[in-house]
């Protein structure tokens, strides 16, 4: 997974923190991961169009 190096240092504090905070951080991490994946696929689509037409 691409974001394991980003998430890994926070894992011990996640499991020691209260469940509410842990769920909040995990959902935020998931949202950022999903948005980054969408952005990467969007850039790939745009660059694919550029390579197709030029």
PDB file of N, CA and C in Angstrom:
ATOM      1  N   UNK A   1       0.845  -1.202   0.000  1.00  0.00           N
ATOM      2  CA  UNK A   1       0.000   0.000   0.000  1.00  0.00           C
ATOM      3  C   UNK A   1       0.877   1.247   0.000  1.00  0.00           C
ATOM      4  N   UNK A   2       0.467   2.212  -0.781  1.00  0.00           N
ATOM      5  CA  UNK A   2       1.285   3.396  -0.992  1.00  0.00           C
ATOM      6  C   UNK A   2       1.432   4.256   0.265  1.00  0.00           C
ATOM      7  N   UNK A   3       0.407   4.260   1.114  1.00  0.00           N
ATOM      8  CA  UNK A   3       0.382   5.186   2.241  1.00  0.00           C
ATOM      9  C   UNK A   3       0.803   4.524   3.556  1.00  0.00           C
ATOM     10  N   UNK A   4       1.318   3.290   3.474  1.00  0.00           N
ATOM     11  CA  UNK A   4       1.689   2.606   4.714  1.00  0.00           C
ATOM     12  C   UNK A   4       2.841   3.323   5.406  1.00  0.00           C
ATOM     13  N   UNK A   5       3.777   3.865   4.651  1.00  0.00           N
ATOM     14  CA  UNK A   5       4.888   4.593   5.261  1.00  0.00           C
ATOM     15  C   UNK A   5       4.395   5.873   5.926  1.00  0.00           C
ATOM     16  N   UNK A   6       3.306   6.436   5.419  1.00  0.00           N
ATOM     17  CA  UNK A   6       2.737   7.660   5.998  1.00  0.00           C
ATOM     18  C   UNK A   6       1.925   7.346   7.247  1.00  0.00           C
ATOM     19  N   UNK A   7       1.220   6.219   7.253  1.00  0.00           N
ATOM     20  CA  UNK A   7       0.319   5.894   8.346  1.00  0.00           C
ATOM     21  C   UNK A   7       1.049   5.143   9.461  1.00  0.00           C
ATOM     22  N   UNK A   8       2.103   4.406   9.116  1.00  0.00           N
ATOM     23  CA  UNK A   8       2.735   3.485  10.063  1.00  0.00           C
ATOM     24  C   UNK A   8       3.206   4.138  11.360  1.00  0.00           C
ATOM     25  N   UNK A   9       3.853   5.325  11.343  1.00  0.00           N
ATOM     26  CA  UNK A   9       4.300   5.904  12.625  1.00  0.00           C
ATOM     27  C   UNK A   9       3.165   6.233  13.580  1.00  0.00           C
ATOM     28  N   UNK A  10       1.945   6.386  13.070  1.00  0.00           N
ATOM     29  CA  UNK A  10       0.829   6.777  13.929  1.00  0.00           C
ATOM     30  C   UNK A  10       0.056   5.587  14.476  1.00  0.00           C
ATOM     31  N   UNK A  11       0.386   4.375  14.021  1.00  0.00           N
ATOM     32  CA  UNK A  11      -0.409   3.216  14.428  1.00  0.00           C
ATOM     33  C   UNK A  11      -0.373   2.956  15.930  1.00  0.00           C
ATOM     34  N   UNK A  12       0.786   2.990  16.622  1.00  0.00           N
ATOM     35  CA  UNK A  12       0.748   2.737  18.075  1.00  0.00           C
ATOM     36  C   UNK A  12      -0.123   3.740  18.822  1.00  0.00           C
ATOM     37  N   UNK A  13      -0.023   5.009  18.488  1.00  0.00           N
ATOM     38  CA  UNK A  13      -0.846   6.008  19.174  1.00  0.00           C
ATOM     39  C   UNK A  13      -2.330   5.839  18.810  1.00  0.00           C
ATOM     40  N   UNK A  14      -2.606   5.328  17.592  1.00  0.00           N
ATOM     41  CA  UNK A  14      -4.000   5.099  17.220  1.00  0.00           C
ATOM     42  C   UNK A  14      -4.622   4.033  18.112  1.00  0.00           C
ATOM     43  N   UNK A  15      -3.891   2.942  18.332  1.00  0.00           N
ATOM     44  CA  UNK A  15      -4.482   1.845  19.092  1.00  0.00           C
ATOM     45  C   UNK A  15      -4.511   2.142  20.592  1.00  0.00           C
ATOM     46  N   UNK A  16      -3.693   3.096  21.048  1.00  0.00           N
ATOM     47  CA  UNK A  16      -3.718   3.454  22.459  1.00  0.00           C
ATOM     48  C   UNK A  16      -4.708   4.574  22.749  1.00  0.00           C
ATOM     49  N   UNK A  17      -5.119   5.299  21.722  1.00  0.00           N
ATOM     50  CA  UNK A  17      -6.034   6.418  21.933  1.00  0.00           C
ATOM     51  C   UNK A  17      -7.465   5.902  22.097  1.00  0.00           C
ATOM     52  N   UNK A  18      -8.357   6.746  22.614  1.00  0.00           N
ATOM     53  CA  UNK A  18      -9.767   6.341  22.737  1.00  0.00           C
ATOM     54  C   UNK A  18     -10.374   6.003  21.379  1.00  0.00           C
ATOM     55  N   UNK A  19     -11.365   5.111  21.349  1.00  0.00           N
ATOM     56  CA  UNK A  19     -11.923   4.655  20.071  1.00  0.00           C
ATOM     57  C   UNK A  19     -12.503   5.784  19.224  1.00  0.00           C
ATOM     58  N   UNK A  20     -13.091   6.794  19.868  1.00  0.00           N
ATOM     59  CA  UNK A  20     -13.709   7.864  19.091  1.00  0.00           C
ATOM     60  C   UNK A  20     -12.650   8.634  18.303  1.00  0.00           C
ATOM     61  N   UNK A  21     -11.564   8.988  18.979  1.00  0.00           N
ATOM     62  CA  UNK A  21     -10.484   9.704  18.291  1.00  0.00           C
ATOM     63  C   UNK A  21      -9.861   8.813  17.222  1.00  0.00           C
ATOM     64  N   UNK A  22      -9.703   7.528  17.565  1.00  0.00           N
ATOM     65  CA  UNK A  22      -9.099   6.604  16.610  1.00  0.00           C
ATOM     66  C   UNK A  22      -9.941   6.497  15.341  1.00  0.00           C
ATOM     67  N   UNK A  23     -11.259   6.364  15.492  1.00  0.00           N
ATOM     68  CA  UNK A  23     -12.134   6.269  14.327  1.00  0.00           C
ATOM     69  C   UNK A  23     -12.101   7.555  13.503  1.00  0.00           C
ATOM     70  N   UNK A  24     -12.031   8.694  14.208  1.00  0.00           N
ATOM     71  CA  UNK A  24     -11.974   9.971  13.502  1.00  0.00           C
ATOM     72  C   UNK A  24     -10.703  10.065  12.655  1.00  0.00           C
ATOM     73  N   UNK A  25      -9.560   9.700  13.248  1.00  0.00           N
ATOM     74  CA  UNK A  25      -8.293   9.785  12.518  1.00  0.00           C
ATOM     75  C   UNK A  25      -8.283   8.785  11.370  1.00  0.00           C
ATOM     76  N   UNK A  26      -8.802   7.584  11.611  1.00  0.00           N
ATOM     77  CA  UNK A  26      -8.807   6.581  10.553  1.00  0.00           C
ATOM     78  C   UNK A  26      -9.703   7.007   9.393  1.00  0.00           C
ATOM     79  N   UNK A  27     -10.850   7.608   9.699  1.00  0.00           N
ATOM     80  CA  UNK A  27     -11.733   8.059   8.627  1.00  0.00           C
ATOM     81  C   UNK A  27     -11.097   9.213   7.858  1.00  0.00           C
ATOM     82  N   UNK A  28     -10.402  10.107   8.562  1.00  0.00           N
ATOM     83  CA  UNK A  28      -9.706  11.193   7.879  1.00  0.00           C
ATOM     84  C   UNK A  28      -8.609  10.644   6.975  1.00  0.00           C
ATOM     85  N   UNK A  29      -7.854   9.665   7.486  1.00  0.00           N
ATOM     86  CA  UNK A  29      -6.791   9.060   6.678  1.00  0.00           C
ATOM     87  C   UNK A  29      -7.370   8.385   5.442  1.00  0.00           C
ATOM     88  N   UNK A  30      -8.499   7.682   5.621  1.00  0.00           N
ATOM     89  CA  UNK A  30      -9.136   7.019   4.483  1.00  0.00           C
ATOM     90  C   UNK A  30      -9.616   8.036   3.460  1.00  0.00           C
ATOM     91  N   UNK A  31     -10.177   9.159   3.933  1.00  0.00           N
ATOM     92  CA  UNK A  31     -10.671  10.177   3.012  1.00  0.00           C
ATOM     93  C   UNK A  31      -9.519  10.797   2.226  1.00  0.00           C
ATOM     94  N   UNK A  32      -8.414  11.105   2.906  1.00  0.00           N
ATOM     95  CA  UNK A  32      -7.256  11.681   2.217  1.00  0.00           C
ATOM     96  C   UNK A  32      -6.710  10.693   1.202  1.00  0.00           C
ATOM     97  N   UNK A  33      -6.644   9.404   1.580  1.00  0.00           N
ATOM     98  CA  UNK A  33      -6.170   8.381   0.653  1.00  0.00           C
ATOM     99  C   UNK A  33      -7.062   8.319  -0.578  1.00  0.00           C
ATOM    100  N   UNK A  34      -8.389   8.330  -0.359  1.00  0.00           N
ATOM    101  CA  UNK A  34      -9.329   8.237  -1.478  1.00  0.00           C
ATOM    102  C   UNK A  34      -9.216   9.464  -2.380  1.00  0.00           C
ATOM    103  N   UNK A  35      -9.106  10.657  -1.783  1.00  0.00           N
ATOM    104  CA  UNK A  35      -9.000  11.872  -2.593  1.00  0.00           C
ATOM    105  C   UNK A  35      -7.702  11.876  -3.395  1.00  0.00           C
ATOM    106  N   UNK A  36      -6.605  11.390  -2.794  1.00  0.00           N
ATOM    107  CA  UNK A  36      -5.338  11.341  -3.516  1.00  0.00           C
ATOM    108  C   UNK A  36      -5.436  10.361  -4.678  1.00  0.00           C
ATOM    109  N   UNK A  37      -6.064   9.201  -4.460  1.00  0.00           N
ATOM    110  CA  UNK A  37      -6.238   8.242  -5.546  1.00  0.00           C
ATOM    111  C   UNK A  37      -7.072   8.841  -6.675  1.00  0.00           C
ATOM    112  N   UNK A  38      -8.132   9.571  -6.326  1.00  0.00           N
ATOM    113  CA  UNK A  38      -8.967  10.190  -7.351  1.00  0.00           C
ATOM    114  C   UNK A  38      -8.178  11.240  -8.121  1.00  0.00           C
ATOM    115  N   UNK A  39      -7.360  12.009  -7.413  1.00  0.00           N
ATOM    116  CA  UNK A  39      -6.555  13.037  -8.067  1.00  0.00           C
ATOM    117  C   UNK A  39      -5.538  12.406  -9.010  1.00  0.00           C
ATOM    118  N   UNK A  40      -4.903  11.319  -8.563  1.00  0.00           N
ATOM    119  CA  UNK A  40      -3.912  10.648  -9.411  1.00  0.00           C
ATOM    120  C   UNK A  40      -4.569  10.086 -10.662  1.00  0.00           C
ATOM    121  N   UNK A  41      -5.738   9.466 -10.517  1.00  0.00           N
ATOM    122  CA  UNK A  41      -6.414   8.921 -11.690  1.00  0.00           C
ATOM    123  C   UNK A  41      -6.866  10.042 -12.621  1.00  0.00           C
ATOM    124  N   UNK A  42      -7.274  11.175 -12.064  1.00  0.00           N
ATOM    125  CA  UNK A  42      -7.669  12.319 -12.891  1.00  0.00           C
ATOM    126  C   UNK A  42      -6.478  12.841 -13.687  1.00  0.00           C
ATOM    127  N   UNK A  43      -5.330  12.977 -13.030  1.00  0.00           N
ATOM    128  CA  UNK A  43      -4.127  13.453 -13.733  1.00  0.00           C
ATOM    129  C   UNK A  43      -3.714  12.465 -14.812  1.00  0.00           C
ATOM    130  N   UNK A  44      -3.836  11.167 -14.511  1.00  0.00           N
ATOM    131  CA  UNK A  44      -3.504  10.169 -15.530  1.00  0.00           C
ATOM    132  C   UNK A  44      -4.433  10.272 -16.731  1.00  0.00           C
ATOM    133  N   UNK A  45      -5.714  10.527 -16.483  1.00  0.00           N
ATOM    134  CA  UNK A  45      -6.663  10.669 -17.586  1.00  0.00           C
ATOM    135  C   UNK A  45      -6.322  11.887 -18.439  1.00  0.00           C
ATOM    136  N   UNK A  46      -6.020  13.020 -17.790  1.00  0.00           N
ATOM    137  CA  UNK A  46      -5.672  14.241 -18.524  1.00  0.00           C
ATOM    138  C   UNK A  46      -4.402  14.024 -19.339  1.00  0.00           C
ATOM    139  N   UNK A  47      -3.377  13.410 -18.721  1.00  0.00           N
ATOM    140  CA  UNK A  47      -2.134  13.180 -19.454  1.00  0.00           C
ATOM    141  C   UNK A  47      -2.355  12.186 -20.590  1.00  0.00           C
ATOM    142  N   UNK A  48      -3.291  11.244 -20.412  1.00  0.00           N
ATOM    143  CA  UNK A  48      -3.619  10.327 -21.495  1.00  0.00           C
ATOM    144  C   UNK A  48      -4.247  11.057 -22.670  1.00  0.00           C
ATOM    145  N   UNK A  49      -5.141  12.014 -22.395  1.00  0.00           N
ATOM    146  CA  UNK A  49      -5.723  12.822 -23.458  1.00  0.00           C
ATOM    147  C   UNK A  49      -4.655  13.646 -24.168  1.00  0.00           C
ATOM    148  N   UNK A  50      -3.733  14.220 -23.394  1.00  0.00           N
ATOM    149  CA  UNK A  50      -2.676  15.039 -23.997  1.00  0.00           C
ATOM    150  C   UNK A  50      -1.804  14.186 -24.905  1.00  0.00           C
ATOM    151  N   UNK A  51      -1.449  12.977 -24.448  1.00  0.00           N
ATOM    152  CA  UNK A  51      -0.621  12.106 -25.288  1.00  0.00           C
ATOM    153  C   UNK A  51      -1.385  11.642 -26.520  1.00  0.00           C
ATOM    154  N   UNK A  52      -2.701  11.517 -26.405  1.00  0.00           N
ATOM    155  CA  UNK A  52      -3.487  11.043 -27.542  1.00  0.00           C
ATOM    156  C   UNK A  52      -3.598  12.117 -28.632  1.00  0.00           C
ATOM    157  N   UNK A  53      -3.695  13.381 -28.215  1.00  0.00           N
ATOM    158  CA  UNK A  53      -3.965  14.429 -29.198  1.00  0.00           C
ATOM    159  C   UNK A  53      -2.708  15.136 -29.681  1.00  0.00           C
ATOM    160  N   UNK A  54      -1.598  15.064 -28.925  1.00  0.00           N
ATOM    161  CA  UNK A  54      -0.415  15.813 -29.341  1.00  0.00           C
ATOM    162  C   UNK A  54       0.725  14.867 -29.678  1.00  0.00           C
TER     163      UNK A  54
END
